[in-house]
Amino acid sequence: MNEKNELHNRNLHISGLLNEEKVDIENKKVDIQDEKVNIENILSEKSSDFSIKTTVHIHRLFDRFGFDEVFGRSAVMELIEMKSSGASKLIYNLVQADIIEPVSGYGKGKYKFKK
């Protein structure tokens, strides 16, 4: 993931302050997030033969925007670091593959992932 996190012992210490309060988990139900969406299943359902590079771009877009956020060409350009023509072509291919859909009410050229 190209993260450059320094893992020094001095930063990884956990103080004893966390042990002061006991938590009763037997009587409480833990609210766990809904099942994570597997974008691979969505891509395979759409039966599109995307290259590995395009699939990585789709994953990055989905991780950033998900099903609920609306995005446009400029957001794709910034996130994937590509030029406008490449971003437009990617968006066009995703619309043709029925993976994203145009959204009205946000201005021209806005899209979101289809559920």
C-alpha atoms as a PDB file:
ATOM      1  CA  MET A   1       0.000   0.000   0.000  1.00  0.00           C
ATOM      2  CA  ASN A   2       3.069   2.203  -0.101  1.00  0.00           C
ATOM      3  CA  GLU A   3       2.523   3.460   3.434  1.00  0.00           C
ATOM      4  CA  LYS A   4       5.640   4.554   5.251  1.00  0.00           C
ATOM      5  CA  ASN A   5       4.750   4.091   8.899  1.00  0.00           C
ATOM      6  CA  GLU A   6       7.587   4.095  11.399  1.00  0.00           C
ATOM      7  CA  LEU A   7       7.082   1.408  14.005  1.00  0.00           C
ATOM      8  CA  HIS A   8       9.196   2.498  16.948  1.00  0.00           C
ATOM      9  CA  ASN A   9       8.826   0.904  20.337  1.00  0.00           C
ATOM     10  CA  ARG A  10       8.283   4.300  21.969  1.00  0.00           C
ATOM     11  CA  ASN A  11       5.197   4.873  19.813  1.00  0.00           C
ATOM     12  CA  LEU A  12       3.688   1.428  20.338  1.00  0.00           C
ATOM     13  CA  HIS A  13       3.464   1.416  24.147  1.00  0.00           C
ATOM     14  CA  ILE A  14       0.034   0.982  25.648  1.00  0.00           C
ATOM     15  CA  SER A  15      -0.423   2.614  29.011  1.00  0.00           C
ATOM     16  CA  GLY A  16      -2.165   0.977  31.948  1.00  0.00           C
ATOM     17  CA  LEU A  17      -4.906   3.617  31.865  1.00  0.00           C
ATOM     18  CA  LEU A  18      -7.010   1.404  29.622  1.00  0.00           C
ATOM     19  CA  ASN A  19      -7.264  -1.330  32.276  1.00  0.00           C
ATOM     20  CA  GLU A  20      -8.965   0.867  34.889  1.00  0.00           C
ATOM     21  CA  GLU A  21     -12.486   0.460  33.562  1.00  0.00           C
ATOM     22  CA  LYS A  22     -13.997  -3.004  33.211  1.00  0.00           C
ATOM     23  CA  VAL A  23     -16.368  -3.556  30.327  1.00  0.00           C
ATOM     24  CA  ASP A  24     -19.271  -5.970  30.657  1.00  0.00           C
ATOM     25  CA  ILE A  25     -19.623  -7.495  27.219  1.00  0.00           C
ATOM     26  CA  GLU A  26     -21.772 -10.442  28.201  1.00  0.00           C
ATOM     27  CA  ASN A  27     -24.951  -8.377  28.534  1.00  0.00           C
ATOM     28  CA  LYS A  28     -24.339  -6.122  25.555  1.00  0.00           C
ATOM     29  CA  LYS A  29     -24.647  -6.939  21.900  1.00  0.00           C
ATOM     30  CA  VAL A  30     -21.914  -5.559  19.760  1.00  0.00           C
ATOM     31  CA  ASP A  31     -23.074  -3.709  16.679  1.00  0.00           C
ATOM     32  CA  ILE A  32     -20.859  -4.856  13.874  1.00  0.00           C
ATOM     33  CA  GLN A  33     -21.000  -3.168  10.484  1.00  0.00           C
ATOM     34  CA  ASP A  34     -23.036  -4.722   7.745  1.00  0.00           C
ATOM     35  CA  GLU A  35     -21.252  -7.251   5.629  1.00  0.00           C
ATOM     36  CA  LYS A  36     -18.565  -5.603   3.541  1.00  0.00           C
ATOM     37  CA  VAL A  37     -19.369  -5.338  -0.121  1.00  0.00           C
ATOM     38  CA  ASN A  38     -17.092  -7.392  -2.293  1.00  0.00           C
ATOM     39  CA  ILE A  39     -16.469  -5.355  -5.426  1.00  0.00           C
ATOM     40  CA  GLU A  40     -15.019  -8.479  -7.062  1.00  0.00           C
ATOM     41  CA  ASN A  41     -18.479 -10.076  -7.043  1.00  0.00           C
ATOM     42  CA  ILE A  42     -19.971  -6.999  -8.658  1.00  0.00           C
ATOM     43  CA  LEU A  43     -17.276  -6.942 -11.333  1.00  0.00           C
ATOM     44  CA  SER A  44     -17.708 -10.632 -12.092  1.00  0.00           C
ATOM     45  CA  GLU A  45     -21.500 -10.246 -12.316  1.00  0.00           C
ATOM     46  CA  LYS A  46     -21.076  -7.522 -14.912  1.00  0.00           C
ATOM     47  CA  SER A  47     -18.885  -9.914 -16.929  1.00  0.00           C
ATOM     48  CA  SER A  48     -16.528  -7.201 -18.109  1.00  0.00           C
ATOM     49  CA  ASP A  49     -13.016  -8.119 -19.095  1.00  0.00           C
ATOM     50  CA  PHE A  50     -11.092  -5.268 -17.544  1.00  0.00           C
ATOM     51  CA  SER A  51      -7.317  -5.260 -17.357  1.00  0.00           C
ATOM     52  CA  ILE A  52      -5.658  -5.647 -13.982  1.00  0.00           C
ATOM     53  CA  LYS A  53      -4.743  -1.960 -13.992  1.00  0.00           C
ATOM     54  CA  THR A  54      -8.354  -0.931 -14.651  1.00  0.00           C
ATOM     55  CA  THR A  55      -9.569  -3.298 -11.936  1.00  0.00           C
ATOM     56  CA  VAL A  56      -7.167  -1.650  -9.474  1.00  0.00           C
ATOM     57  CA  HIS A  57      -8.536   1.759 -10.486  1.00  0.00           C
ATOM     58  CA  ILE A  58     -12.099   0.532  -9.931  1.00  0.00           C
ATOM     59  CA  HIS A  59     -11.162  -0.739  -6.468  1.00  0.00           C
ATOM     60  CA  ARG A  60      -9.585   2.596  -5.554  1.00  0.00           C
ATOM     61  CA  LEU A  61     -12.679   4.460  -6.740  1.00  0.00           C
ATOM     62  CA  PHE A  62     -15.012   2.135  -4.861  1.00  0.00           C
ATOM     63  CA  ASP A  63     -12.933   2.319  -1.663  1.00  0.00           C
ATOM     64  CA  ARG A  64     -13.074   6.114  -1.805  1.00  0.00           C
ATOM     65  CA  PHE A  65     -16.684   6.683  -2.916  1.00  0.00           C
ATOM     66  CA  GLY A  66     -18.624   3.467  -2.220  1.00  0.00           C
ATOM     67  CA  PHE A  67     -22.253   3.266  -3.256  1.00  0.00           C
ATOM     68  CA  ASP A  68     -23.409   6.522  -1.686  1.00  0.00           C
ATOM     69  CA  GLU A  69     -20.993   9.246  -2.760  1.00  0.00           C
ATOM     70  CA  VAL A  70     -21.207  11.022  -6.084  1.00  0.00           C
ATOM     71  CA  PHE A  71     -18.071  11.698  -8.104  1.00  0.00           C
ATOM     72  CA  GLY A  72     -17.072  13.261 -11.387  1.00  0.00           C
ATOM     73  CA  ARG A  73     -14.172  13.263 -13.790  1.00  0.00           C
ATOM     74  CA  SER A  74     -12.087  15.684 -11.736  1.00  0.00           C
ATOM     75  CA  ALA A  75     -12.363  13.448  -8.649  1.00  0.00           C
ATOM     76  CA  VAL A  76     -11.252  10.459 -10.728  1.00  0.00           C
ATOM     77  CA  MET A  77      -8.343  12.468 -12.128  1.00  0.00           C
ATOM     78  CA  GLU A  78      -7.205  13.480  -8.663  1.00  0.00           C
ATOM     79  CA  LEU A  79      -7.642  10.081  -7.001  1.00  0.00           C
ATOM     80  CA  ILE A  80      -6.067   7.957  -9.722  1.00  0.00           C
ATOM     81  CA  GLU A  81      -3.643  10.656 -10.882  1.00  0.00           C
ATOM     82  CA  MET A  82      -4.502  10.484 -14.557  1.00  0.00           C
ATOM     83  CA  LYS A  83      -5.240  13.051 -17.221  1.00  0.00           C
ATOM     84  CA  SER A  84      -8.751  14.112 -18.209  1.00  0.00           C
ATOM     85  CA  SER A  85      -8.907  11.972 -21.342  1.00  0.00           C
ATOM     86  CA  GLY A  86      -7.962   8.828 -19.401  1.00  0.00           C
ATOM     87  CA  ALA A  87     -10.465   9.608 -16.657  1.00  0.00           C
ATOM     88  CA  SER A  88     -13.204  10.210 -19.228  1.00  0.00           C
ATOM     89  CA  LYS A  89     -12.424   6.920 -20.948  1.00  0.00           C
ATOM     90  CA  LEU A  90     -12.480   5.046 -17.630  1.00  0.00           C
ATOM     91  CA  ILE A  91     -15.832   6.580 -16.697  1.00  0.00           C
ATOM     92  CA  TYR A  92     -17.227   5.781 -20.147  1.00  0.00           C
ATOM     93  CA  ASN A  93     -16.115   2.140 -19.842  1.00  0.00           C
ATOM     94  CA  LEU A  94     -17.635   1.829 -16.375  1.00  0.00           C
ATOM     95  CA  VAL A  95     -20.950   3.257 -17.565  1.00  0.00           C
ATOM     96  CA  GLN A  96     -20.960   0.889 -20.552  1.00  0.00           C
ATOM     97  CA  ALA A  97     -20.215  -2.061 -18.243  1.00  0.00           C
ATOM     98  CA  ASP A  98     -23.156  -0.990 -16.039  1.00  0.00           C
ATOM     99  CA  ILE A  99     -20.933  -0.545 -12.970  1.00  0.00           C
ATOM    100  CA  ILE A 100     -21.607   3.160 -12.435  1.00  0.00           C
ATOM    101  CA  GLU A 101     -24.593   5.267 -13.394  1.00  0.00           C
ATOM    102  CA  PRO A 102     -25.114   8.963 -14.109  1.00  0.00           C
ATOM    103  CA  VAL A 103     -26.728  10.918 -11.291  1.00  0.00           C
ATOM    104  CA  SER A 104     -29.021  13.875 -11.750  1.00  0.00           C
ATOM    105  CA  GLY A 105     -29.279  16.815  -9.395  1.00  0.00           C
ATOM    106  CA  TYR A 106     -25.538  17.250  -8.875  1.00  0.00           C
ATOM    107  CA  GLY A 107     -24.686  18.837 -12.197  1.00  0.00           C
ATOM    108  CA  LYS A 108     -23.585  17.347 -15.459  1.00  0.00           C
ATOM    109  CA  GLY A 109     -21.063  14.525 -15.441  1.00  0.00           C
ATOM    110  CA  LYS A 110     -21.661  13.112 -11.961  1.00  0.00           C
ATOM    111  CA  TYR A 111     -21.781   9.383 -11.296  1.00  0.00           C
ATOM    112  CA  LYS A 112     -22.122   6.826  -8.526  1.00  0.00           C
ATOM    113  CA  PHE A 113     -21.670   3.061  -8.232  1.00  0.00           C
ATOM    114  CA  LYS A 114     -24.736   0.947  -8.937  1.00  0.00           C
ATOM    115  CA  LYS A 115     -25.950  -1.388  -6.201  1.00  0.00           C
END
